[in-house]
Amino acid sequence: MIYNNEQINIKITYANNFYKRFKGLMLKKDFDDGLLFTNLKDSSIHTFFMRFEIDVYFLNEKKYIFEKTSLKPWKFYKPKKQAKYILETRKNKLKLKIGDRLDFI
């Protein structure tokens, strides 16, 4: 992943179909990398059946972060506007902020 022209070594798993988006991180025992949701019809997310806290980054079509939240298990969140991409990581895994631009390689 590229963050503001700096490479960050993190394995990104793509949730780019219905099944992968539906399953997400539910029931996983551990998670150290990133999960990128694409082909979204809705940007709302939940942490039902999850075992750990996550950071969630909402990106626009140019891959700029426009909203960020942290969620504990069994929570629901809907961003203020529709996202093109959603990146989920373990809480405090990355130090990204609103306005940062990402690219995935």
C-alpha atoms as a PDB file:
ATOM      1  CA  MET A   1       0.000   0.000   0.000  1.00  0.00           C
ATOM      2  CA  ILE A   2       1.213   3.506  -0.799  1.00  0.00           C
ATOM      3  CA  TYR A   3       0.412   6.263   1.695  1.00  0.00           C
ATOM      4  CA  ASN A   4       1.267   9.843   0.670  1.00  0.00           C
ATOM      5  CA  ASN A   5       4.121   8.564  -1.577  1.00  0.00           C
ATOM      6  CA  GLU A   6       5.503   6.263   1.147  1.00  0.00           C
ATOM      7  CA  GLN A   7       5.159   2.489   0.888  1.00  0.00           C
ATOM      8  CA  ILE A   8       3.643   0.657   3.852  1.00  0.00           C
ATOM      9  CA  ASN A   9       4.048  -3.115   3.875  1.00  0.00           C
ATOM     10  CA  ILE A  10       0.640  -4.441   4.765  1.00  0.00           C
ATOM     11  CA  LYS A  11      -1.176  -7.295   3.096  1.00  0.00           C
ATOM     12  CA  ILE A  12      -4.506  -6.121   1.703  1.00  0.00           C
ATOM     13  CA  THR A  13      -7.290  -8.631   1.204  1.00  0.00           C
ATOM     14  CA  TYR A  14      -9.951  -7.497  -1.255  1.00  0.00           C
ATOM     15  CA  ALA A  15     -13.610  -7.911  -0.387  1.00  0.00           C
ATOM     16  CA  ASN A  16     -14.801  -7.389  -3.933  1.00  0.00           C
ATOM     17  CA  ASN A  17     -17.808  -9.667  -4.221  1.00  0.00           C
ATOM     18  CA  PHE A  18     -20.992 -10.248  -2.247  1.00  0.00           C
ATOM     19  CA  TYR A  19     -19.715 -13.211  -0.223  1.00  0.00           C
ATOM     20  CA  LYS A  20     -16.401 -11.575   0.768  1.00  0.00           C
ATOM     21  CA  ARG A  21     -18.154  -8.321   1.710  1.00  0.00           C
ATOM     22  CA  PHE A  22     -20.809 -10.208   3.664  1.00  0.00           C
ATOM     23  CA  LYS A  23     -18.300 -12.306   5.607  1.00  0.00           C
ATOM     24  CA  GLY A  24     -15.765  -9.520   6.191  1.00  0.00           C
ATOM     25  CA  LEU A  25     -14.005 -10.062   9.523  1.00  0.00           C
ATOM     26  CA  MET A  26     -16.844 -11.915  11.234  1.00  0.00           C
ATOM     27  CA  LEU A  27     -15.718 -14.829  13.425  1.00  0.00           C
ATOM     28  CA  LYS A  28     -12.014 -14.273  12.750  1.00  0.00           C
ATOM     29  CA  LYS A  29      -9.812 -14.999  15.749  1.00  0.00           C
ATOM     30  CA  ASP A  30      -7.053 -12.648  14.678  1.00  0.00           C
ATOM     31  CA  PHE A  31      -6.411 -10.004  12.067  1.00  0.00           C
ATOM     32  CA  ASP A  32      -3.178  -8.117  11.461  1.00  0.00           C
ATOM     33  CA  ASP A  33      -3.513  -6.785   7.935  1.00  0.00           C
ATOM     34  CA  GLY A  34      -6.089  -4.799   5.950  1.00  0.00           C
ATOM     35  CA  LEU A  35      -9.431  -5.630   4.392  1.00  0.00           C
ATOM     36  CA  LEU A  36     -10.451  -3.411   1.468  1.00  0.00           C
ATOM     37  CA  PHE A  37     -14.107  -3.311   0.449  1.00  0.00           C
ATOM     38  CA  THR A  38     -14.802  -2.422  -3.183  1.00  0.00           C
ATOM     39  CA  ASN A  39     -17.856  -2.458  -5.492  1.00  0.00           C
ATOM     40  CA  LEU A  40     -19.969  -0.925  -2.745  1.00  0.00           C
ATOM     41  CA  LYS A  41     -23.687  -0.212  -2.947  1.00  0.00           C
ATOM     42  CA  ASP A  42     -23.831   0.953   0.666  1.00  0.00           C
ATOM     43  CA  SER A  43     -21.128   2.304   2.975  1.00  0.00           C
ATOM     44  CA  SER A  44     -22.656   1.315   6.300  1.00  0.00           C
ATOM     45  CA  ILE A  45     -20.709  -1.284   8.249  1.00  0.00           C
ATOM     46  CA  HIS A  46     -21.062  -3.357  11.393  1.00  0.00           C
ATOM     47  CA  THR A  47     -18.814  -5.302  13.718  1.00  0.00           C
ATOM     48  CA  PHE A  48     -21.317  -7.994  14.676  1.00  0.00           C
ATOM     49  CA  PHE A  49     -19.672 -11.346  15.461  1.00  0.00           C
ATOM     50  CA  MET A  50     -16.224  -9.742  15.576  1.00  0.00           C
ATOM     51  CA  ARG A  51     -13.728 -10.310  18.374  1.00  0.00           C
ATOM     52  CA  PHE A  52     -11.538  -7.197  18.207  1.00  0.00           C
ATOM     53  CA  GLU A  53     -11.695  -3.433  17.702  1.00  0.00           C
ATOM     54  CA  ILE A  54     -11.015  -2.000  14.243  1.00  0.00           C
ATOM     55  CA  ASP A  55     -10.221   1.303  12.551  1.00  0.00           C
ATOM     56  CA  VAL A  56     -12.332   2.001   9.483  1.00  0.00           C
ATOM     57  CA  TYR A  57     -11.277   4.403   6.730  1.00  0.00           C
ATOM     58  CA  PHE A  58     -13.808   5.637   4.155  1.00  0.00           C
ATOM     59  CA  LEU A  59     -12.251   6.658   0.827  1.00  0.00           C
ATOM     60  CA  ASN A  60     -13.619   8.533  -2.171  1.00  0.00           C
ATOM     61  CA  GLU A  61     -13.084   7.614  -5.845  1.00  0.00           C
ATOM     62  CA  LYS A  62      -9.625   9.259  -5.821  1.00  0.00           C
ATOM     63  CA  LYS A  63      -8.664   7.184  -2.747  1.00  0.00           C
ATOM     64  CA  TYR A  64      -8.578  10.095  -0.307  1.00  0.00           C
ATOM     65  CA  ILE A  65      -9.744   9.360   3.228  1.00  0.00           C
ATOM     66  CA  PHE A  66     -12.787  11.524   3.953  1.00  0.00           C
ATOM     67  CA  GLU A  67     -13.951   9.873   7.171  1.00  0.00           C
ATOM     68  CA  LYS A  68     -12.484   7.612   9.848  1.00  0.00           C
ATOM     69  CA  THR A  69     -13.949   5.782  12.822  1.00  0.00           C
ATOM     70  CA  SER A  70     -12.947   3.152  15.353  1.00  0.00           C
ATOM     71  CA  LEU A  71     -15.443   0.457  16.262  1.00  0.00           C
ATOM     72  CA  LYS A  72     -15.631  -2.089  19.040  1.00  0.00           C
ATOM     73  CA  PRO A  73     -17.381  -5.435  18.429  1.00  0.00           C
ATOM     74  CA  TRP A  74     -21.181  -5.376  18.042  1.00  0.00           C
ATOM     75  CA  LYS A  75     -21.431  -1.810  16.710  1.00  0.00           C
ATOM     76  CA  PHE A  76     -22.960  -0.275  13.577  1.00  0.00           C
ATOM     77  CA  TYR A  77     -21.733   2.789  11.674  1.00  0.00           C
ATOM     78  CA  LYS A  78     -22.940   4.734   8.647  1.00  0.00           C
ATOM     79  CA  PRO A  79     -20.652   7.456   7.219  1.00  0.00           C
ATOM     80  CA  LYS A  80     -21.980  10.877   6.285  1.00  0.00           C
ATOM     81  CA  LYS A  81     -21.633  10.110   2.561  1.00  0.00           C
ATOM     82  CA  GLN A  82     -21.179   7.119   0.255  1.00  0.00           C
ATOM     83  CA  ALA A  83     -17.648   5.708   0.014  1.00  0.00           C
ATOM     84  CA  LYS A  84     -16.022   4.176  -3.052  1.00  0.00           C
ATOM     85  CA  TYR A  85     -13.666   2.092  -0.873  1.00  0.00           C
ATOM     86  CA  ILE A  86     -13.613   1.089   2.793  1.00  0.00           C
ATOM     87  CA  LEU A  87     -10.404  -0.038   4.476  1.00  0.00           C
ATOM     88  CA  GLU A  88     -10.597  -1.933   7.766  1.00  0.00           C
ATOM     89  CA  THR A  89      -7.529  -2.518   9.921  1.00  0.00           C
ATOM     90  CA  ARG A  90      -6.887  -3.586  13.486  1.00  0.00           C
ATOM     91  CA  LYS A  91      -7.209  -0.638  15.885  1.00  0.00           C
ATOM     92  CA  ASN A  92      -4.076   1.578  15.750  1.00  0.00           C
ATOM     93  CA  LYS A  93      -2.384  -0.583  13.069  1.00  0.00           C
ATOM     94  CA  LEU A  94      -1.948   2.443  10.781  1.00  0.00           C
ATOM     95  CA  LYS A  95      -1.667   6.117  11.637  1.00  0.00           C
ATOM     96  CA  LEU A  96      -3.793   7.430   8.768  1.00  0.00           C
ATOM     97  CA  LYS A  97      -5.903  10.565   8.950  1.00  0.00           C
ATOM     98  CA  ILE A  98      -8.594  12.372   6.995  1.00  0.00           C
ATOM     99  CA  GLY A  99      -7.122  13.875   3.813  1.00  0.00           C
ATOM    100  CA  ASP A 100      -4.462  11.179   3.356  1.00  0.00           C
ATOM    101  CA  ARG A 101      -4.346   9.532  -0.065  1.00  0.00           C
ATOM    102  CA  LEU A 102      -3.851   5.778  -0.428  1.00  0.00           C
ATOM    103  CA  ASP A 103      -2.996   3.548  -3.354  1.00  0.00           C
ATOM    104  CA  PHE A 104      -2.890  -0.218  -3.406  1.00  0.00           C
ATOM    105  CA  ILE A 105      -0.177  -2.160  -5.225  1.00  0.00           C
END
